[in-house]
Amino acid sequence: MSRRSLPLPSPAMAVALCALFVALSGAAYALTLPRNSVGPRQLRARAVTSTKLGTSAVTARALRDGAVSGRKIASGSVLASDLGGASVRTAALANGAVTAAKLAPDSVTAAQLSLPIVSVQAFSPVLPAVQAGFRLIGATCPPGQRVVGGGGGWVTGSSADAVGFGVVSGSRPTPPTVGTDSQNGWEVYGTDDAHPIDRRLMVIAICLAT
């Protein structure tokens, strides 16, 4: 009696049988990749999304300089407590970005401001010795400045030293118009009785650039 040989299965049939065996057995196989085998060159553009990143997975050291721009930061996401000392420099601020409403009370002091303050002094005509009289004198700020204070008093006829006599009847900014910002000078006026020396009235205007 001759033996009859069975035909071998085709490759497609072998693959199908293996798949059927795995499905019926309930076994699962995972593909294991060697460590560090997947790098940036193996990833498609935009393959890693934010939902695939763990909390704190991206640190500051992992970001290039300038990688995070203002357009990529949500409104209100960066708080003052998140900023290090001197981390925001003048060059990083847009013109008009810091308004008065964003400054804390007393956060800007006079010592932090470069204020070009100028004092202007003037003297009245001399009131001769042994003669009583009235004098009025004013001092005007340079162009582009406004007055922020002033004062004056009687001095000797040849110096700016106060002599301790005479009456200052008034001391005020000029023009004396209430409710305007047009004051650019200071005036003083007063009277003095007869004295044995020459006297004159002095005024000083304190001016600030506008």
Protein backbone atom coordinates (compact mmCIF):
# COMPACT_ATOMS: atom_id res chain seq x y z
CA MET A 1 0.00 0.00 0.00
CA SER A 2 1.47 3.40 -0.96
CA ARG A 3 1.46 6.34 1.48
CA ARG A 4 -0.31 9.52 0.46
CA SER A 5 1.54 12.74 1.57
CA LEU A 6 -0.41 15.79 2.81
CA PRO A 7 0.22 19.13 1.12
CA LEU A 8 2.03 21.85 3.19
CA PRO A 9 -0.01 24.96 4.10
CA SER A 10 0.69 28.15 2.23
CA PRO A 11 2.42 31.05 4.03
CA ALA A 12 -0.85 33.00 4.14
CA MET A 13 -2.57 30.03 5.71
CA ALA A 14 0.22 29.73 8.32
CA VAL A 15 -0.16 33.37 9.33
CA ALA A 16 -3.92 33.02 9.60
CA LEU A 17 -3.61 29.92 11.77
CA CYS A 18 -1.16 31.66 14.10
CA ALA A 19 -3.51 34.61 14.46
CA LEU A 20 -6.40 32.30 15.21
CA PHE A 21 -4.34 30.47 17.81
CA VAL A 22 -3.42 33.69 19.59
CA ALA A 23 -7.00 34.95 19.54
CA LEU A 24 -8.39 31.71 20.94
CA SER A 25 -5.75 31.35 23.64
CA GLY A 26 -6.38 34.85 25.03
CA ALA A 27 -2.67 35.58 25.20
CA ALA A 28 -1.36 39.09 24.59
CA TYR A 29 2.05 40.12 23.34
CA ALA A 30 3.59 43.57 23.70
CA LEU A 31 6.26 45.02 21.52
CA THR A 32 9.31 45.90 23.61
CA LEU A 33 11.67 48.59 22.31
CA PRO A 34 15.27 48.98 23.46
CA ARG A 35 15.97 51.85 25.87
CA ASN A 36 16.49 55.25 24.16
CA SER A 37 15.67 53.76 20.75
CA VAL A 38 12.96 56.38 20.05
CA GLY A 39 14.30 59.90 19.75
CA PRO A 40 13.18 63.19 18.17
CA ARG A 41 14.10 61.92 14.69
CA GLN A 42 11.68 58.97 15.02
CA LEU A 43 8.71 61.18 16.04
CA ARG A 44 6.43 62.75 13.49
CA ALA A 45 5.77 66.49 13.70
CA ARG A 46 3.15 67.23 16.43
CA ALA A 47 3.11 63.52 17.40
CA VAL A 48 3.50 64.40 21.11
CA THR A 49 0.56 66.51 22.31
CA SER A 50 0.04 68.20 25.67
CA THR A 51 -2.33 65.43 26.80
CA LYS A 52 0.52 62.92 26.45
CA LEU A 53 2.85 64.86 28.75
CA GLY A 54 2.94 64.08 32.46
CA THR A 55 2.78 66.77 35.13
CA SER A 56 6.13 68.61 35.37
CA ALA A 57 7.46 66.53 32.45
CA VAL A 58 8.73 69.66 30.68
CA THR A 59 11.11 71.69 32.87
CA ALA A 60 12.68 75.10 32.26
CA ARG A 61 15.97 73.42 31.26
CA ALA A 62 14.16 71.58 28.44
CA LEU A 63 12.97 74.81 26.80
CA ARG A 64 15.02 76.79 24.30
CA ASP A 65 15.51 80.50 24.86
CA GLY A 66 12.48 82.26 23.39
CA ALA A 67 10.60 78.97 22.86
CA VAL A 68 7.62 80.18 24.93
CA SER A 69 6.26 83.44 23.54
CA GLY A 70 3.49 85.67 24.86
CA ARG A 71 1.02 84.15 22.37
CA LYS A 72 1.55 80.71 23.93
CA ILE A 73 0.77 81.83 27.50
CA ALA A 74 -2.86 81.82 28.65
CA SER A 75 -4.23 85.00 30.22
CA GLY A 76 -3.61 85.01 33.97
CA SER A 77 -1.50 81.83 33.89
CA VAL A 78 1.69 83.57 35.09
CA LEU A 79 1.29 85.10 38.56
CA ALA A 80 3.60 87.44 40.43
CA SER A 81 4.57 84.55 42.71
CA ASP A 82 5.82 82.61 39.63
CA LEU A 83 8.35 85.31 38.71
CA GLY A 84 11.86 85.32 40.09
CA GLY A 85 13.59 88.47 41.22
CA ALA A 86 14.56 90.73 38.28
CA SER A 87 13.14 88.14 35.83
CA VAL A 88 11.12 90.79 33.97
CA ARG A 89 13.43 93.42 32.55
CA THR A 90 12.63 96.77 30.97
CA ALA A 91 13.30 95.45 27.45
CA ALA A 92 10.59 92.80 27.96
CA LEU A 93 7.87 95.38 28.69
CA ALA A 94 5.86 96.93 25.89
CA ASN A 95 5.42 100.71 25.87
CA GLY A 96 2.50 101.59 28.15
CA ALA A 97 2.31 98.04 29.58
CA VAL A 98 2.67 99.25 33.19
CA THR A 99 -0.04 101.75 34.07
CA ALA A 100 -0.76 103.58 37.31
CA ALA A 101 -3.50 101.05 38.13
CA LYS A 102 -0.87 98.26 38.12
CA LEU A 103 1.40 99.95 40.67
CA ALA A 104 0.98 99.17 44.35
CA PRO A 105 0.58 102.16 46.72
CA ASP A 106 3.95 103.76 47.56
CA SER A 107 5.76 101.32 45.23
CA VAL A 108 7.42 104.20 43.37
CA THR A 109 9.21 106.67 45.64
CA ALA A 110 10.85 110.01 44.85
CA ALA A 111 14.29 108.38 45.21
CA GLN A 112 13.46 106.08 42.27
CA LEU A 113 12.49 108.98 40.00
CA SER A 114 14.92 111.18 38.15
CA LEU A 115 13.21 114.50 38.78
CA PRO A 116 14.92 117.56 37.28
CA ILE A 117 14.01 120.06 40.02
CA VAL A 118 15.15 123.67 39.56
CA SER A 119 14.95 126.59 41.97
CA VAL A 120 14.64 130.13 40.59
CA GLN A 121 15.47 133.12 42.79
CA ALA A 122 14.58 136.80 42.34
CA PHE A 123 14.86 140.02 44.36
CA SER A 124 12.71 143.14 44.56
CA PRO A 125 14.10 146.65 44.16
CA VAL A 126 15.91 147.81 47.32
CA LEU A 127 13.89 149.54 50.03
CA PRO A 128 16.31 152.29 51.18
CA ALA A 129 17.40 152.68 54.78
CA VAL A 130 15.18 154.69 57.12
CA GLN A 131 12.24 154.29 54.75
CA ALA A 132 9.12 152.14 55.13
CA GLY A 133 7.49 150.58 52.12
CA PHE A 134 5.81 147.77 50.19
CA ARG A 135 7.42 145.34 47.75
CA LEU A 136 6.14 142.57 45.44
CA ILE A 137 8.45 140.21 43.56
CA GLY A 138 7.91 137.09 41.46
CA ALA A 139 10.08 134.34 39.95
CA THR A 140 9.16 132.42 36.78
CA CYS A 141 10.08 128.79 36.00
CA PRO A 142 12.08 127.98 32.84
CA PRO A 143 10.09 126.92 29.74
CA GLY A 144 8.68 123.39 29.97
CA GLN A 145 8.52 123.44 33.78
CA ARG A 146 5.80 124.17 36.29
CA VAL A 147 6.01 125.48 39.83
CA VAL A 148 5.50 123.02 42.70
CA GLY A 149 6.35 125.30 45.61
CA GLY A 150 8.07 128.46 46.72
CA GLY A 151 8.56 131.07 49.41
CA GLY A 152 10.53 134.15 50.37
CA GLY A 153 11.23 136.90 52.89
CA TRP A 154 13.06 140.16 53.58
CA VAL A 155 16.85 140.20 53.22
CA THR A 156 19.59 142.80 53.33
CA GLY A 157 20.07 145.04 50.33
CA SER A 158 23.34 143.40 49.24
CA SER A 159 22.87 139.71 50.12
CA ALA A 160 20.36 136.83 50.28
CA ASP A 161 20.62 136.41 54.06
CA ALA A 162 17.38 136.87 56.01
CA VAL A 163 17.58 139.68 58.52
CA GLY A 164 14.56 138.80 60.65
CA PHE A 165 12.41 141.87 60.13
CA GLY A 166 9.69 142.88 57.71
CA VAL A 167 6.32 141.29 57.07
CA VAL A 168 5.45 138.84 54.30
CA SER A 169 1.82 139.57 53.52
CA GLY A 170 1.40 136.87 50.88
CA SER A 171 3.19 133.97 49.18
CA ARG A 172 1.51 132.08 46.33
CA PRO A 173 1.94 130.43 42.92
CA THR A 174 1.30 132.49 39.81
CA PRO A 175 -0.87 132.96 37.96
CA PRO A 176 -3.14 132.54 41.01
CA THR A 177 -5.92 130.73 39.13
CA VAL A 178 -7.59 127.96 41.12
CA GLY A 179 -8.22 124.61 39.43
CA THR A 180 -5.70 124.94 36.58
CA ASP A 181 -2.25 123.53 35.86
CA SER A 182 -0.97 126.76 34.35
CA GLN A 183 1.06 127.96 37.37
CA ASN A 184 4.67 128.48 36.31
CA GLY A 185 5.94 130.91 38.93
CA TRP A 186 5.84 132.09 42.55
CA GLU A 187 5.35 135.55 44.03
CA VAL A 188 5.86 137.12 47.46
CA TYR A 189 4.69 140.51 48.70
CA GLY A 190 5.01 142.36 51.99
CA THR A 191 5.78 145.54 53.91
CA ASP A 192 8.59 146.73 56.14
CA ASP A 193 8.96 149.60 58.60
CA ALA A 194 11.79 152.11 58.50
CA HIS A 195 15.16 150.56 59.43
CA PRO A 196 18.71 151.89 59.41
CA ILE A 197 19.79 149.51 56.58
CA ASP A 198 18.75 148.82 52.99
CA ARG A 199 16.36 145.84 52.53
CA ARG A 200 14.80 143.93 49.68
CA LEU A 201 12.25 141.14 49.28
CA MET A 202 13.41 137.76 48.03
CA VAL A 203 11.35 135.01 46.33
CA ILE A 204 12.26 131.41 45.38
CA ALA A 205 10.21 129.28 42.99
CA ILE A 206 10.67 125.48 43.03
CA CYS A 207 10.10 124.15 39.51
CA LEU A 208 9.66 120.66 38.05
CA ALA A 209 9.85 119.59 34.39
CA THR A 210 6.49 118.62 32.93
